[in-house]
N, C-alpha and C. Protein backbone atom coordinates (compact mmCIF):
# COMPACT_ATOMS: atom_id res chain seq x y z
N MET A 1 0.84 -1.18 0.00
CA MET A 1 0.00 0.00 0.00
C MET A 1 0.88 1.24 0.00
N ALA A 2 0.55 2.22 -0.82
CA ALA A 2 1.34 3.44 -0.92
C ALA A 2 1.14 4.30 0.33
N ASP A 3 2.16 5.12 0.61
CA ASP A 3 2.05 6.05 1.72
C ASP A 3 0.93 7.03 1.46
N LYS A 4 0.28 7.49 2.51
CA LYS A 4 -0.80 8.46 2.39
C LYS A 4 -0.24 9.78 1.88
N GLN A 5 -0.92 10.37 0.90
CA GLN A 5 -0.50 11.68 0.40
C GLN A 5 -0.85 12.76 1.42
N LEU A 6 0.11 13.58 1.71
CA LEU A 6 -0.10 14.76 2.54
C LEU A 6 0.30 15.96 1.69
N LEU A 7 -0.63 16.44 0.89
CA LEU A 7 -0.33 17.45 -0.11
C LEU A 7 0.13 18.77 0.49
N HIS A 8 1.14 19.35 -0.17
CA HIS A 8 1.70 20.63 0.23
C HIS A 8 1.86 21.49 -1.02
N LEU A 9 1.56 22.77 -0.91
CA LEU A 9 1.68 23.74 -1.99
C LEU A 9 2.83 24.69 -1.66
N VAL A 10 3.69 24.95 -2.64
CA VAL A 10 4.76 25.92 -2.47
C VAL A 10 4.45 27.12 -3.36
N ILE A 11 4.34 28.30 -2.73
CA ILE A 11 4.08 29.54 -3.46
C ILE A 11 5.00 30.63 -2.94
N GLY A 12 5.15 31.67 -3.73
CA GLY A 12 5.99 32.78 -3.28
C GLY A 12 5.77 34.01 -4.12
N GLY A 13 6.37 35.08 -3.68
CA GLY A 13 6.29 36.34 -4.38
C GLY A 13 6.84 37.47 -3.53
N GLU A 14 6.80 38.66 -4.09
CA GLU A 14 7.27 39.83 -3.35
C GLU A 14 6.21 40.28 -2.37
N LEU A 15 6.62 40.55 -1.16
CA LEU A 15 5.72 41.01 -0.12
C LEU A 15 5.60 42.52 -0.14
N ALA A 16 4.42 43.01 0.18
CA ALA A 16 4.19 44.44 0.27
C ALA A 16 4.92 45.03 1.48
N ASP A 17 5.02 44.26 2.54
CA ASP A 17 5.63 44.70 3.79
C ASP A 17 6.40 43.52 4.38
N LEU A 18 7.62 43.72 4.76
CA LEU A 18 8.44 42.62 5.30
C LEU A 18 7.89 42.03 6.59
N GLN A 19 7.04 42.78 7.28
CA GLN A 19 6.48 42.29 8.54
C GLN A 19 5.20 41.49 8.34
N GLY A 20 4.68 41.46 7.09
CA GLY A 20 3.42 40.78 6.84
C GLY A 20 3.55 39.64 5.85
N ILE A 21 2.39 39.17 5.42
CA ILE A 21 2.36 38.08 4.43
C ILE A 21 1.48 38.45 3.24
N THR A 22 1.30 39.74 2.99
CA THR A 22 0.51 40.21 1.86
C THR A 22 1.42 40.39 0.66
N PHE A 23 1.05 39.72 -0.44
CA PHE A 23 1.85 39.84 -1.65
C PHE A 23 1.64 41.19 -2.31
N ARG A 24 2.69 41.75 -2.86
CA ARG A 24 2.66 43.04 -3.53
C ARG A 24 1.73 43.01 -4.74
N ASP A 25 1.81 41.96 -5.55
CA ASP A 25 1.01 41.84 -6.77
C ASP A 25 0.61 40.38 -6.96
N LEU A 26 -0.67 40.08 -6.78
CA LEU A 26 -1.13 38.70 -6.88
C LEU A 26 -0.93 38.11 -8.28
N LYS A 27 -0.87 38.95 -9.29
CA LYS A 27 -0.64 38.46 -10.65
C LYS A 27 0.77 37.92 -10.81
N GLU A 28 1.67 38.31 -9.92
CA GLU A 28 3.06 37.90 -10.00
C GLU A 28 3.43 36.79 -9.01
N VAL A 29 2.44 36.24 -8.30
CA VAL A 29 2.72 35.16 -7.34
C VAL A 29 3.22 33.94 -8.11
N ASP A 30 4.31 33.38 -7.62
CA ASP A 30 4.93 32.20 -8.23
C ASP A 30 4.35 30.95 -7.58
N ILE A 31 3.54 30.22 -8.34
CA ILE A 31 3.01 28.95 -7.86
C ILE A 31 4.00 27.87 -8.29
N VAL A 32 4.81 27.46 -7.35
CA VAL A 32 5.91 26.53 -7.65
C VAL A 32 5.36 25.14 -7.95
N GLY A 33 4.44 24.66 -7.11
CA GLY A 33 3.86 23.35 -7.37
C GLY A 33 3.24 22.72 -6.14
N VAL A 34 2.62 21.58 -6.37
CA VAL A 34 2.00 20.78 -5.30
C VAL A 34 2.84 19.52 -5.14
N TYR A 35 3.11 19.16 -3.89
CA TYR A 35 4.01 18.05 -3.58
C TYR A 35 3.33 17.05 -2.66
N PRO A 36 3.70 15.76 -2.76
CA PRO A 36 3.00 14.71 -2.03
C PRO A 36 3.35 14.60 -0.55
N ASN A 37 4.38 15.33 -0.12
CA ASN A 37 4.76 15.28 1.29
C ASN A 37 5.60 16.51 1.63
N TYR A 38 5.81 16.72 2.91
CA TYR A 38 6.53 17.91 3.37
C TYR A 38 7.98 17.91 2.89
N ALA A 39 8.61 16.76 2.88
CA ALA A 39 10.03 16.69 2.49
C ALA A 39 10.24 17.19 1.07
N GLU A 40 9.38 16.76 0.15
CA GLU A 40 9.50 17.21 -1.24
C GLU A 40 9.18 18.69 -1.37
N ALA A 41 8.17 19.15 -0.65
CA ALA A 41 7.82 20.57 -0.66
C ALA A 41 8.96 21.41 -0.10
N HIS A 42 9.60 20.94 0.93
CA HIS A 42 10.70 21.67 1.55
C HIS A 42 11.87 21.81 0.59
N LYS A 43 12.15 20.76 -0.19
CA LYS A 43 13.21 20.83 -1.19
C LYS A 43 12.92 21.92 -2.22
N ALA A 44 11.67 21.96 -2.69
CA ALA A 44 11.27 22.97 -3.68
C ALA A 44 11.32 24.36 -3.07
N TRP A 45 10.83 24.50 -1.85
CA TRP A 45 10.86 25.79 -1.15
C TRP A 45 12.30 26.28 -0.99
N GLN A 46 13.17 25.39 -0.56
CA GLN A 46 14.57 25.75 -0.31
C GLN A 46 15.25 26.20 -1.60
N ALA A 47 14.99 25.51 -2.71
CA ALA A 47 15.59 25.87 -3.99
C ALA A 47 15.13 27.25 -4.43
N LYS A 48 13.83 27.52 -4.33
CA LYS A 48 13.30 28.82 -4.73
C LYS A 48 13.79 29.93 -3.81
N ALA A 49 13.81 29.68 -2.53
CA ALA A 49 14.28 30.68 -1.58
C ALA A 49 15.75 31.02 -1.84
N GLN A 50 16.54 30.03 -2.17
CA GLN A 50 17.95 30.25 -2.46
C GLN A 50 18.13 31.08 -3.73
N GLN A 51 17.30 30.85 -4.73
CA GLN A 51 17.38 31.59 -6.00
C GLN A 51 17.07 33.08 -5.82
N THR A 52 16.27 33.40 -4.81
CA THR A 52 15.81 34.78 -4.63
C THR A 52 16.40 35.44 -3.38
N VAL A 53 17.48 34.91 -2.89
CA VAL A 53 18.07 35.38 -1.64
C VAL A 53 18.47 36.87 -1.69
N ASP A 54 18.75 37.40 -2.87
CA ASP A 54 19.16 38.80 -2.99
C ASP A 54 18.00 39.79 -2.95
N ASN A 55 16.77 39.31 -3.00
CA ASN A 55 15.60 40.18 -2.95
C ASN A 55 14.96 40.04 -1.57
N ALA A 56 15.13 41.04 -0.73
CA ALA A 56 14.64 40.97 0.65
C ALA A 56 13.13 40.87 0.73
N HIS A 57 12.41 41.34 -0.28
CA HIS A 57 10.95 41.30 -0.25
C HIS A 57 10.36 39.98 -0.76
N MET A 58 11.18 39.15 -1.35
CA MET A 58 10.70 37.89 -1.91
C MET A 58 10.64 36.82 -0.82
N ARG A 59 9.48 36.17 -0.72
CA ARG A 59 9.30 35.10 0.27
C ARG A 59 8.57 33.94 -0.38
N TYR A 60 8.93 32.74 0.03
CA TYR A 60 8.24 31.53 -0.39
C TYR A 60 7.66 30.85 0.84
N PHE A 61 6.52 30.20 0.64
CA PHE A 61 5.79 29.58 1.73
C PHE A 61 5.39 28.16 1.35
N ILE A 62 5.29 27.31 2.38
CA ILE A 62 4.74 25.96 2.22
C ILE A 62 3.36 25.97 2.86
N VAL A 63 2.33 25.66 2.06
CA VAL A 63 0.96 25.60 2.55
C VAL A 63 0.60 24.12 2.73
N HIS A 64 0.15 23.76 3.90
CA HIS A 64 -0.21 22.38 4.21
C HIS A 64 -1.64 22.11 3.73
N LEU A 65 -1.77 21.76 2.46
CA LEU A 65 -3.10 21.54 1.88
C LEU A 65 -3.86 20.42 2.59
N HIS A 66 -3.16 19.41 3.04
CA HIS A 66 -3.81 18.28 3.69
C HIS A 66 -4.50 18.69 4.98
N ARG A 67 -4.09 19.80 5.55
CA ARG A 67 -4.76 20.29 6.76
C ARG A 67 -6.04 21.04 6.44
N LEU A 68 -6.16 21.49 5.21
CA LEU A 68 -7.36 22.24 4.80
C LEU A 68 -8.49 21.31 4.35
N LEU A 69 -8.12 20.17 3.80
CA LEU A 69 -9.12 19.24 3.30
C LEU A 69 -8.60 17.83 3.41
N ASP A 70 -9.39 16.96 4.00
CA ASP A 70 -9.03 15.55 4.09
C ASP A 70 -9.60 14.85 2.87
N PRO A 71 -8.75 14.43 1.92
CA PRO A 71 -9.26 13.83 0.69
C PRO A 71 -10.02 12.53 0.89
N GLU A 72 -9.81 11.84 1.97
CA GLU A 72 -10.50 10.57 2.21
C GLU A 72 -11.95 10.78 2.61
N THR A 73 -12.22 11.83 3.35
CA THR A 73 -13.57 12.06 3.84
C THR A 73 -14.27 13.21 3.12
N GLY A 74 -13.49 14.05 2.44
CA GLY A 74 -14.07 15.22 1.78
C GLY A 74 -14.45 16.31 2.77
N GLN A 75 -14.06 16.14 4.01
CA GLN A 75 -14.38 17.09 5.06
C GLN A 75 -13.21 18.05 5.29
N ALA A 76 -13.53 19.26 5.64
CA ALA A 76 -12.50 20.22 6.03
C ALA A 76 -11.88 19.72 7.33
N ALA A 77 -10.60 19.88 7.42
CA ALA A 77 -9.87 19.40 8.61
C ALA A 77 -10.16 20.25 9.82
């Protein structure tokens, strides 16, 4: 039996304010991808964060999709 998928989304973009999490321009948000587990998402996050290290306003985030919706029951977590 395959391991249970725990979906994670990696997104990023320039923040309007370094103290917040509001993106400067939603049209420019980088949707990196959806990953089957945290380890894979972390690798993608780390690669993108490293590529943009010179831009202080650029931030990438890992969203725990599996916490928002349980695919087995269809119920919100």
